Amino acid sequence: MRESALIPYFYYYHYYYYYYYYYYYYYYYYYYYYYYYYYYYYYYYYYYYNNNYYYYYYYYYYYYFYFYYLY
């Protein structure tokens, strides 16, 4: 009886966590969507004004993995 009583609590907690996750996911999605284009412009600023491929790809992959693991 105790195990069967935990099943509705588990599904309730799972649904609450699922809703809580996607609420903040879409909130930070639009928040970092603005900063994604900001750093995207920063890559090309580094590329054209410094003509340094090393720093260009360094900042590109750095922020790429940063936003990738952020989600």
C-alpha atoms as a PDB file:
ATOM      1  CA  MET A   1       0.000   0.000   0.000  1.00  0.00           C
ATOM      2  CA  ARG A   2       2.850   2.363   0.662  1.00  0.00           C
ATOM      3  CA  GLU A   3       4.422   1.788  -2.749  1.00  0.00           C
ATOM      4  CA  SER A   4       1.126   2.285  -4.558  1.00  0.00           C
ATOM      5  CA  ALA A   5       0.600   5.515  -2.635  1.00  0.00           C
ATOM      6  CA  LEU A   6       3.930   6.845  -3.848  1.00  0.00           C
ATOM      7  CA  ILE A   7       3.018   6.394  -7.507  1.00  0.00           C
ATOM      8  CA  PRO A   8       0.568   9.343  -7.726  1.00  0.00           C
ATOM      9  CA  TYR A   9       3.030  11.486  -5.800  1.00  0.00           C
ATOM     10  CA  PHE A  10       5.778  10.542  -8.250  1.00  0.00           C
ATOM     11  CA  TYR A  11       3.701  11.480 -11.275  1.00  0.00           C
ATOM     12  CA  TYR A  12       2.618  14.713  -9.650  1.00  0.00           C
ATOM     13  CA  TYR A  13       6.199  15.647  -8.826  1.00  0.00           C
ATOM     14  CA  HIS A  14       7.349  14.652 -12.295  1.00  0.00           C
ATOM     15  CA  TYR A  15       4.680  16.783 -13.949  1.00  0.00           C
ATOM     16  CA  TYR A  16       5.475  19.743 -11.721  1.00  0.00           C
ATOM     17  CA  TYR A  17       9.167  19.474 -12.484  1.00  0.00           C
ATOM     18  CA  TYR A  18       8.429  19.131 -16.200  1.00  0.00           C
ATOM     19  CA  TYR A  19       6.325  22.277 -16.200  1.00  0.00           C
ATOM     20  CA  TYR A  20       8.849  24.148 -14.057  1.00  0.00           C
ATOM     21  CA  TYR A  21      11.691  23.203 -16.398  1.00  0.00           C
ATOM     22  CA  TYR A  22       9.969  24.308 -19.577  1.00  0.00           C
ATOM     23  CA  TYR A  23       8.769  27.538 -18.035  1.00  0.00           C
ATOM     24  CA  TYR A  24      12.304  28.654 -17.306  1.00  0.00           C
ATOM     25  CA  TYR A  25      13.573  27.066 -20.487  1.00  0.00           C
ATOM     26  CA  TYR A  26      11.472  29.353 -22.678  1.00  0.00           C
ATOM     27  CA  TYR A  27      12.188  32.301 -20.437  1.00  0.00           C
ATOM     28  CA  TYR A  28      15.948  31.923 -20.768  1.00  0.00           C
ATOM     29  CA  TYR A  29      15.581  30.933 -24.397  1.00  0.00           C
ATOM     30  CA  TYR A  30      14.515  34.436 -25.362  1.00  0.00           C
ATOM     31  CA  TYR A  31      16.974  35.914 -22.906  1.00  0.00           C
ATOM     32  CA  TYR A  32      20.008  34.165 -24.370  1.00  0.00           C
ATOM     33  CA  TYR A  33      18.639  34.401 -27.867  1.00  0.00           C
ATOM     34  CA  TYR A  34      19.440  38.112 -27.712  1.00  0.00           C
ATOM     35  CA  TYR A  35      22.939  37.489 -26.402  1.00  0.00           C
ATOM     36  CA  TYR A  36      23.536  34.843 -29.041  1.00  0.00           C
ATOM     37  CA  TYR A  37      23.335  37.442 -31.776  1.00  0.00           C
ATOM     38  CA  TYR A  38      25.377  39.808 -29.695  1.00  0.00           C
ATOM     39  CA  TYR A  39      28.260  37.336 -29.524  1.00  0.00           C
ATOM     40  CA  TYR A  40      27.667  36.336 -33.114  1.00  0.00           C
ATOM     41  CA  TYR A  41      28.383  39.915 -34.090  1.00  0.00           C
ATOM     42  CA  TYR A  42      31.361  39.844 -31.743  1.00  0.00           C
ATOM     43  CA  TYR A  43      32.873  36.897 -33.614  1.00  0.00           C
ATOM     44  CA  TYR A  44      32.892  38.740 -36.902  1.00  0.00           C
ATOM     45  CA  TYR A  45      34.140  41.870 -35.244  1.00  0.00           C
ATOM     46  CA  TYR A  46      37.074  39.867 -33.986  1.00  0.00           C
ATOM     47  CA  TYR A  47      37.529  38.234 -37.354  1.00  0.00           C
ATOM     48  CA  TYR A  48      37.480  41.271 -39.592  1.00  0.00           C
ATOM     49  CA  TYR A  49      39.212  43.794 -37.402  1.00  0.00           C
ATOM     50  CA  ASN A  50      41.981  41.585 -36.058  1.00  0.00           C
ATOM     51  CA  ASN A  51      42.423  39.120 -38.934  1.00  0.00           C
ATOM     52  CA  ASN A  52      43.345  36.450 -36.494  1.00  0.00           C
ATOM     53  CA  TYR A  53      41.852  33.054 -37.215  1.00  0.00           C
ATOM     54  CA  TYR A  54      43.000  31.598 -33.956  1.00  0.00           C
ATOM     55  CA  TYR A  55      41.102  34.041 -31.790  1.00  0.00           C
ATOM     56  CA  TYR A  56      38.137  33.960 -34.094  1.00  0.00           C
ATOM     57  CA  TYR A  57      37.642  30.223 -33.809  1.00  0.00           C
ATOM     58  CA  TYR A  58      38.580  30.258 -30.176  1.00  0.00           C
ATOM     59  CA  TYR A  59      35.755  32.611 -29.223  1.00  0.00           C
ATOM     60  CA  TYR A  60      33.411  30.927 -31.633  1.00  0.00           C
ATOM     61  CA  TYR A  61      33.775  27.462 -30.135  1.00  0.00           C
ATOM     62  CA  TYR A  62      33.925  28.823 -26.633  1.00  0.00           C
ATOM     63  CA  TYR A  63      30.535  30.474 -26.848  1.00  0.00           C
ATOM     64  CA  TYR A  64      29.142  27.664 -28.962  1.00  0.00           C
ATOM     65  CA  PHE A  65      29.798  25.089 -26.264  1.00  0.00           C
ATOM     66  CA  TYR A  66      28.742  27.579 -23.652  1.00  0.00           C
ATOM     67  CA  PHE A  67      25.281  27.951 -25.142  1.00  0.00           C
ATOM     68  CA  TYR A  68      25.127  24.278 -26.018  1.00  0.00           C
ATOM     69  CA  TYR A  69      25.644  23.110 -22.458  1.00  0.00           C
ATOM     70  CA  LEU A  70      23.463  25.895 -21.196  1.00  0.00           C
ATOM     71  CA  TYR A  71      20.448  24.192 -22.709  1.00  0.00           C
END
